[in-house]
Amino acid sequence: FKAKGTAARGARLKHAEAAAYARKAGDYKSWSERREALFDGSVFAGKKAVEFGLADGLYDDLVVSLKERFGPDIRICELKTRQGFFERLQALQVSMAATQVASYASAARAELARQL
């Protein structure tokens, strides 16, 4: 794993920065461990992964990023799985709550109109 990761990312890997980051969190590494700090099992995501050379960049908008990379004629098809029982139940709860809030707001407006 280490050899493949190092071969693929090469000089982009920033082991020293990762070791310094770990040191701030109280994880003091030996000299030999610092040279392979990115392969100690720690998980880095987002900006830290980019900073340490584990990822190439962050994508704010995937469609825009794909069009920049592959051209404006690219066709993108989003594949989604079918909602499960709990997801459908949650959506039903949200819609019922919104309906109830609208009902309360309507009743409150009617009550205010009567009082004025």
C-alpha atoms as a PDB file:
ATOM      1  CA  PHE A   1       0.000   0.000   0.000  1.00  0.00           C
ATOM      2  CA  LYS A   2       2.732   2.430   0.956  1.00  0.00           C
ATOM      3  CA  ALA A   3       4.720   1.734  -2.215  1.00  0.00           C
ATOM      4  CA  LYS A   4       1.671   2.148  -4.477  1.00  0.00           C
ATOM      5  CA  GLY A   5       0.554   5.310  -2.694  1.00  0.00           C
ATOM      6  CA  THR A   6       4.009   6.829  -2.895  1.00  0.00           C
ATOM      7  CA  ALA A   7       4.398   5.835  -6.556  1.00  0.00           C
ATOM      8  CA  ALA A   8       1.020   7.331  -7.473  1.00  0.00           C
ATOM      9  CA  ARG A   9       1.255  10.598  -5.518  1.00  0.00           C
ATOM     10  CA  GLY A  10       5.049  11.000  -5.438  1.00  0.00           C
ATOM     11  CA  ALA A  11       6.379  14.388  -4.378  1.00  0.00           C
ATOM     12  CA  ARG A  12       2.844  15.672  -3.766  1.00  0.00           C
ATOM     13  CA  LEU A  13       2.726  13.755  -0.459  1.00  0.00           C
ATOM     14  CA  LYS A  14       3.553  16.011   2.475  1.00  0.00           C
ATOM     15  CA  HIS A  15       4.603  13.640   5.262  1.00  0.00           C
ATOM     16  CA  ALA A  16       6.348  16.371   7.285  1.00  0.00           C
ATOM     17  CA  GLU A  17       3.224  18.550   7.336  1.00  0.00           C
ATOM     18  CA  ALA A  18       1.099  15.576   8.359  1.00  0.00           C
ATOM     19  CA  ALA A  19       3.521  14.756  11.177  1.00  0.00           C
ATOM     20  CA  ALA A  20       3.430  18.391  12.371  1.00  0.00           C
ATOM     21  CA  TYR A  21      -0.374  18.307  12.261  1.00  0.00           C
ATOM     22  CA  ALA A  22      -0.394  15.078  14.309  1.00  0.00           C
ATOM     23  CA  ARG A  23       2.102  16.596  16.771  1.00  0.00           C
ATOM     24  CA  LYS A  24      -0.331  19.478  17.437  1.00  0.00           C
ATOM     25  CA  ALA A  25      -2.906  16.839  18.369  1.00  0.00           C
ATOM     26  CA  GLY A  26      -0.471  15.205  20.808  1.00  0.00           C
ATOM     27  CA  ASP A  27       0.692  12.358  18.534  1.00  0.00           C
ATOM     28  CA  TYR A  28       4.484  12.502  18.734  1.00  0.00           C
ATOM     29  CA  LYS A  29       6.179  10.368  16.099  1.00  0.00           C
ATOM     30  CA  SER A  30       9.723   9.072  15.893  1.00  0.00           C
ATOM     31  CA  TRP A  31      11.995  10.242  13.073  1.00  0.00           C
ATOM     32  CA  SER A  32      11.259   7.154  10.969  1.00  0.00           C
ATOM     33  CA  GLU A  33       7.511   7.458  11.587  1.00  0.00           C
ATOM     34  CA  ARG A  34       7.551  11.103  10.454  1.00  0.00           C
ATOM     35  CA  ARG A  35       8.827  10.073   7.015  1.00  0.00           C
ATOM     36  CA  GLU A  36       5.671   7.955   6.554  1.00  0.00           C
ATOM     37  CA  ALA A  37       3.207  10.002   8.613  1.00  0.00           C
ATOM     38  CA  LEU A  38       0.480   9.801   5.978  1.00  0.00           C
ATOM     39  CA  PHE A  39       0.476   6.003   6.176  1.00  0.00           C
ATOM     40  CA  ASP A  40      -0.170   5.668   9.917  1.00  0.00           C
ATOM     41  CA  GLY A  41      -3.886   4.919   9.555  1.00  0.00           C
ATOM     42  CA  SER A  42      -5.081   8.472  10.149  1.00  0.00           C
ATOM     43  CA  VAL A  43      -7.940   9.677   8.001  1.00  0.00           C
ATOM     44  CA  PHE A  44      -7.703  13.060   6.313  1.00  0.00           C
ATOM     45  CA  ALA A  45     -10.565  14.504   4.317  1.00  0.00           C
ATOM     46  CA  GLY A  46     -11.378  17.713   2.486  1.00  0.00           C
ATOM     47  CA  LYS A  47      -8.908  20.567   2.688  1.00  0.00           C
ATOM     48  CA  LYS A  48      -6.441  18.624   4.851  1.00  0.00           C
ATOM     49  CA  ALA A  49      -6.314  15.788   2.294  1.00  0.00           C
ATOM     50  CA  VAL A  50      -5.514  18.317  -0.445  1.00  0.00           C
ATOM     51  CA  GLU A  51      -2.996  20.105   1.789  1.00  0.00           C
ATOM     52  CA  PHE A  52      -1.128  16.846   2.513  1.00  0.00           C
ATOM     53  CA  GLY A  53      -1.177  15.733  -1.147  1.00  0.00           C
ATOM     54  CA  LEU A  54      -3.632  12.875  -0.724  1.00  0.00           C
ATOM     55  CA  ALA A  55      -6.208  14.457  -3.058  1.00  0.00           C
ATOM     56  CA  ASP A  56      -5.965  16.762  -6.054  1.00  0.00           C
ATOM     57  CA  GLY A  57      -8.678  19.216  -5.142  1.00  0.00           C
ATOM     58  CA  LEU A  58     -12.099  19.922  -3.805  1.00  0.00           C
ATOM     59  CA  TYR A  59     -15.123  20.262  -6.005  1.00  0.00           C
ATOM     60  CA  ASP A  60     -17.727  22.814  -4.954  1.00  0.00           C
ATOM     61  CA  ASP A  61     -19.937  21.930  -7.908  1.00  0.00           C
ATOM     62  CA  LEU A  62     -19.318  18.554  -9.514  1.00  0.00           C
ATOM     63  CA  VAL A  63     -21.084  19.408 -12.800  1.00  0.00           C
ATOM     64  CA  VAL A  64     -19.033  22.597 -13.283  1.00  0.00           C
ATOM     65  CA  SER A  65     -15.811  20.755 -12.436  1.00  0.00           C
ATOM     66  CA  LEU A  66     -16.566  17.940 -14.893  1.00  0.00           C
ATOM     67  CA  LYS A  67     -17.400  20.421 -17.674  1.00  0.00           C
ATOM     68  CA  GLU A  68     -14.154  22.315 -17.017  1.00  0.00           C
ATOM     69  CA  ARG A  69     -12.180  19.096 -17.135  1.00  0.00           C
ATOM     70  CA  PHE A  70     -13.885  17.283 -20.036  1.00  0.00           C
ATOM     71  CA  GLY A  71     -15.531  20.098 -22.021  1.00  0.00           C
ATOM     72  CA  PRO A  72     -18.990  21.634 -22.208  1.00  0.00           C
ATOM     73  CA  ASP A  73     -20.464  18.818 -24.332  1.00  0.00           C
ATOM     74  CA  ILE A  74     -20.209  16.218 -21.572  1.00  0.00           C
ATOM     75  CA  ARG A  75     -23.487  14.562 -20.592  1.00  0.00           C
ATOM     76  CA  ILE A  76     -23.965  13.803 -16.923  1.00  0.00           C
ATOM     77  CA  CYS A  77     -26.465  11.266 -15.659  1.00  0.00           C
ATOM     78  CA  GLU A  78     -27.017  11.070 -11.920  1.00  0.00           C
ATOM     79  CA  LEU A  79     -27.834   7.591 -10.681  1.00  0.00           C
ATOM     80  CA  LYS A  80     -29.829   7.333  -7.490  1.00  0.00           C
ATOM     81  CA  THR A  81     -30.977   4.350  -5.527  1.00  0.00           C
ATOM     82  CA  ARG A  82     -34.589   3.877  -4.608  1.00  0.00           C
ATOM     83  CA  GLN A  83     -35.539   5.364  -1.251  1.00  0.00           C
ATOM     84  CA  GLY A  84     -35.845   2.861   1.536  1.00  0.00           C
ATOM     85  CA  PHE A  85     -38.649   2.627   4.068  1.00  0.00           C
ATOM     86  CA  PHE A  86     -37.041   4.962   6.607  1.00  0.00           C
ATOM     87  CA  GLU A  87     -36.192   7.612   4.000  1.00  0.00           C
ATOM     88  CA  ARG A  88     -39.814   7.599   2.777  1.00  0.00           C
ATOM     89  CA  LEU A  89     -41.053   7.785   6.368  1.00  0.00           C
ATOM     90  CA  GLN A  90     -38.774  10.748   7.078  1.00  0.00           C
ATOM     91  CA  ALA A  91     -39.961  12.567   3.933  1.00  0.00           C
ATOM     92  CA  LEU A  92     -43.558  11.960   5.016  1.00  0.00           C
ATOM     93  CA  GLN A  93     -42.809  13.370   8.470  1.00  0.00           C
ATOM     94  CA  VAL A  94     -41.217  16.487   6.975  1.00  0.00           C
ATOM     95  CA  SER A  95     -44.133  17.101   4.621  1.00  0.00           C
ATOM     96  CA  MET A  96     -46.660  16.559   7.412  1.00  0.00           C
ATOM     97  CA  ALA A  97     -44.782  18.994   9.651  1.00  0.00           C
ATOM     98  CA  ALA A  98     -44.752  21.606   6.882  1.00  0.00           C
ATOM     99  CA  THR A  99     -48.491  21.134   6.360  1.00  0.00           C
ATOM    100  CA  GLN A 100     -49.130  21.483  10.074  1.00  0.00           C
ATOM    101  CA  VAL A 101     -47.044  24.667  10.288  1.00  0.00           C
ATOM    102  CA  ALA A 102     -48.960  26.140   7.342  1.00  0.00           C
ATOM    103  CA  SER A 103     -52.226  25.226   9.051  1.00  0.00           C
ATOM    104  CA  TYR A 104     -51.157  26.876  12.321  1.00  0.00           C
ATOM    105  CA  ALA A 105     -50.007  29.994  10.434  1.00  0.00           C
ATOM    106  CA  SER A 106     -53.344  30.214   8.641  1.00  0.00           C
ATOM    107  CA  ALA A 107     -55.252  29.845  11.920  1.00  0.00           C
ATOM    108  CA  ALA A 108     -53.052  32.500  13.554  1.00  0.00           C
ATOM    109  CA  ARG A 109     -53.685  34.924  10.675  1.00  0.00           C
ATOM    110  CA  ALA A 110     -57.430  34.329  10.958  1.00  0.00           C
ATOM    111  CA  GLU A 111     -57.315  34.911  14.731  1.00  0.00           C
ATOM    112  CA  LEU A 112     -55.347  38.142  14.278  1.00  0.00           C
ATOM    113  CA  ALA A 113     -57.807  39.342  11.654  1.00  0.00           C
ATOM    114  CA  ARG A 114     -60.696  38.706  14.053  1.00  0.00           C
ATOM    115  CA  GLN A 115     -59.022  40.604  16.856  1.00  0.00           C
ATOM    116  CA  LEU A 116     -58.310  43.658  14.699  1.00  0.00           C
END
